[in-house]
Amino acid sequence: MATDRSVDRSDVTLYIEGEPDADPDAMPEIDEIIENFLLLDEWDDRYRYLIELGRELAPLADAAHNDLNKVQGCASQVWLDTAVRPNGAGGPVLTFVGDSDAHIVRGLIAVLLAMYSGKSAKDILGIDAIAQFEKMGLREHLTPQRSNGFRSMVERIRSDAQKALMSTA
């Protein structure tokens, strides 16, 4: 006899509310994303949540889909556009937007933007994205190519932060 093993999650808010092209400031903070990942027991649910995060990314301008913004080392096509603004004694602040031709990678970009975008270059260099990635249980469920791509995106963001710091020195 088959039994229904589905779990009623209606009392837990795990998914992003709003329209797919919602205000990028409405994206969840990294702590909320991590908490949601930890609440989701099944990889299928985490996978769907990651894809949903990617759908919430602000669109990347067509002009930003260029070779300069393309992240090397990713199996999928990935673009990250970086804006740097001075912040006095606090050092430069970096804001990122990104895009990919793969749904799961767009979700990974959303996680990275939640971690890094809008932070000072000094703070960016102090964030261990790989540890956060592992804390969410993503590493064991993504292909080695996706994990390597994630690392390539992190390296690119850190490199941009380092360049921003050097330009203000």
Protein backbone atom coordinates (compact mmCIF):
# COMPACT_ATOMS: atom_id res chain seq x y z
CA MET A 1 0.00 0.00 0.00
CA ALA A 2 1.47 3.36 -1.05
CA THR A 3 1.53 6.13 1.49
CA ASP A 4 1.81 9.84 0.92
CA ARG A 5 5.24 10.87 2.23
CA SER A 6 4.93 14.55 1.35
CA VAL A 7 5.49 17.04 4.12
CA ASP A 8 3.26 20.04 4.61
CA ARG A 9 5.60 23.04 4.55
CA SER A 10 2.85 25.66 4.37
CA ASP A 11 3.69 26.98 7.84
CA VAL A 12 7.37 27.59 6.96
CA THR A 13 8.32 30.47 4.70
CA LEU A 14 11.22 29.14 2.67
CA TYR A 15 10.76 30.59 -0.73
CA ILE A 16 11.08 34.13 -1.94
CA GLU A 17 7.84 35.99 -2.29
CA GLY A 18 7.21 38.53 -5.02
CA GLU A 19 7.57 38.80 -8.73
CA PRO A 20 10.53 37.24 -10.59
CA ASP A 21 11.84 40.70 -11.50
CA ALA A 22 11.53 42.01 -7.97
CA ASP A 23 13.73 44.77 -6.59
CA PRO A 24 17.27 43.39 -6.11
CA ASP A 25 17.27 44.92 -2.62
CA ALA A 26 14.41 42.54 -1.83
CA MET A 27 16.66 39.52 -2.26
CA PRO A 28 17.10 37.63 0.99
CA GLU A 29 20.22 38.18 3.09
CA ILE A 30 22.80 35.39 3.18
CA ASP A 31 21.83 34.39 6.74
CA GLU A 32 18.23 33.86 5.62
CA ILE A 33 19.37 31.83 2.61
CA ILE A 34 21.56 29.61 4.81
CA GLU A 35 18.73 29.16 7.30
CA ASN A 36 16.37 28.14 4.50
CA PHE A 37 18.90 25.64 3.13
CA LEU A 38 19.30 24.11 6.58
CA LEU A 39 15.52 23.74 6.93
CA LEU A 40 15.29 21.83 3.66
CA ASP A 41 16.13 18.17 4.24
CA GLU A 42 15.88 16.90 0.68
CA TRP A 43 18.35 17.86 -2.03
CA ASP A 44 15.47 18.23 -4.51
CA ASP A 45 13.99 20.98 -2.30
CA ARG A 46 17.36 22.70 -1.99
CA TYR A 47 17.85 22.47 -5.73
CA ARG A 48 14.43 24.07 -6.37
CA TYR A 49 15.18 26.82 -3.84
CA LEU A 50 18.54 27.52 -5.50
CA ILE A 51 16.84 27.81 -8.90
CA GLU A 52 14.21 30.10 -7.41
CA LEU A 53 16.94 32.34 -6.00
CA GLY A 54 18.41 32.57 -9.50
CA ARG A 55 15.06 33.58 -10.94
CA GLU A 56 15.00 36.52 -8.52
CA LEU A 57 18.26 37.99 -9.80
CA ALA A 58 18.02 41.47 -11.23
CA PRO A 59 18.49 41.29 -15.00
CA LEU A 60 21.97 41.91 -16.34
CA ALA A 61 22.06 44.52 -19.09
CA ASP A 62 22.72 43.15 -22.56
CA ALA A 63 25.83 45.33 -22.82
CA ALA A 64 27.23 43.65 -19.67
CA HIS A 65 27.17 40.24 -21.39
CA ASN A 66 30.68 40.81 -22.71
CA ASP A 67 34.11 39.18 -22.58
CA LEU A 68 35.34 41.58 -19.91
CA ASN A 69 32.60 40.44 -17.50
CA LYS A 70 32.79 36.77 -18.43
CA VAL A 71 34.07 34.57 -15.61
CA GLN A 72 36.74 32.14 -16.75
CA GLY A 73 36.77 28.61 -15.32
CA CYS A 74 33.02 27.99 -15.36
CA ALA A 75 31.48 25.16 -17.37
CA SER A 76 28.45 27.37 -18.05
CA GLN A 77 28.63 30.91 -19.34
CA VAL A 78 28.79 33.31 -16.40
CA TRP A 79 29.02 37.09 -16.36
CA LEU A 80 29.69 39.27 -13.32
CA ASP A 81 29.55 43.05 -13.58
CA THR A 82 31.20 44.98 -10.75
CA ALA A 83 30.53 48.56 -9.70
CA VAL A 84 32.88 50.22 -7.23
CA ARG A 85 32.07 53.36 -5.29
CA PRO A 86 34.30 55.17 -2.81
CA ASN A 87 33.26 55.14 0.81
CA GLY A 88 35.75 57.46 2.48
CA ALA A 89 37.70 55.88 5.32
CA GLY A 90 35.64 52.70 4.99
CA GLY A 91 37.27 51.96 1.65
CA PRO A 92 35.55 51.12 -1.61
CA VAL A 93 32.19 49.36 -1.67
CA LEU A 94 31.50 46.85 -4.41
CA THR A 95 28.15 46.00 -5.93
CA PHE A 96 27.72 43.03 -8.24
CA VAL A 97 25.16 41.88 -10.78
CA GLY A 98 25.44 38.62 -12.62
CA ASP A 99 23.91 36.20 -15.04
CA SER A 100 24.38 32.71 -16.43
CA ASP A 101 22.92 30.56 -19.15
CA ALA A 102 22.27 27.79 -16.58
CA HIS A 103 19.48 27.93 -13.98
CA ILE A 104 21.45 26.31 -11.16
CA VAL A 105 24.40 28.64 -11.77
CA ARG A 106 22.11 31.67 -11.64
CA GLY A 107 21.12 30.41 -8.18
CA LEU A 108 24.76 30.12 -7.17
CA ILE A 109 25.28 33.69 -8.39
CA ALA A 110 22.34 34.81 -6.24
CA VAL A 111 23.96 33.18 -3.20
CA LEU A 112 27.25 34.93 -3.94
CA LEU A 113 25.57 38.29 -4.44
CA ALA A 114 23.82 37.89 -1.09
CA MET A 115 27.23 37.23 0.48
CA TYR A 116 29.23 39.95 -1.24
CA SER A 117 27.26 42.66 -3.01
CA GLY A 118 27.06 46.01 -1.23
CA LYS A 119 29.97 45.22 1.07
CA SER A 120 33.30 46.97 1.44
CA ALA A 121 36.33 45.52 -0.32
CA LYS A 122 37.90 44.77 3.08
CA ASP A 123 34.81 42.88 4.22
CA ILE A 124 34.65 40.95 0.95
CA LEU A 125 38.21 39.74 1.42
CA GLY A 126 37.29 38.49 4.90
CA ILE A 127 34.31 36.37 3.80
CA ASP A 128 34.90 32.64 3.36
CA ALA A 129 32.36 31.77 0.68
CA ILE A 130 33.60 28.19 0.37
CA ALA A 131 32.84 27.56 4.06
CA GLN A 132 29.34 29.05 3.60
CA PHE A 133 28.89 26.92 0.46
CA GLU A 134 29.76 23.79 2.42
CA LYS A 135 27.57 24.85 5.37
CA MET A 136 24.57 24.94 3.01
CA GLY A 137 25.34 21.37 1.91
CA LEU A 138 25.80 22.39 -1.70
CA ARG A 139 29.24 20.98 -2.31
CA GLU A 140 28.28 17.33 -1.98
CA HIS A 141 25.36 17.70 -4.39
CA LEU A 142 26.91 19.68 -7.22
CA THR A 143 29.16 18.32 -9.91
CA PRO A 144 32.88 19.05 -9.60
CA GLN A 145 32.52 21.41 -12.59
CA ARG A 146 29.82 23.44 -10.81
CA SER A 147 31.90 23.55 -7.61
CA ASN A 148 34.92 24.70 -9.61
CA GLY A 149 32.77 27.32 -11.31
CA PHE A 150 31.61 28.55 -7.91
CA ARG A 151 35.24 28.88 -6.84
CA SER A 152 36.03 30.77 -10.06
CA MET A 153 33.24 33.23 -9.31
CA VAL A 154 34.52 33.70 -5.75
CA GLU A 155 38.06 34.27 -7.04
CA ARG A 156 36.76 36.86 -9.50
CA ILE A 157 34.86 38.74 -6.78
CA ARG A 158 37.86 38.66 -4.45
CA SER A 159 40.13 39.83 -7.27
CA ASP A 160 37.81 42.78 -7.97
CA ALA A 161 37.84 43.66 -4.26
CA GLN A 162 41.64 43.48 -4.15
CA LYS A 163 41.94 45.71 -7.24
CA ALA A 164 39.51 48.21 -5.71
CA LEU A 165 41.60 48.35 -2.53
CA MET A 166 44.82 48.78 -4.48
CA SER A 167 43.36 51.62 -6.55
CA THR A 168 42.56 53.59 -3.39
CA ALA A 169 45.96 53.04 -1.78
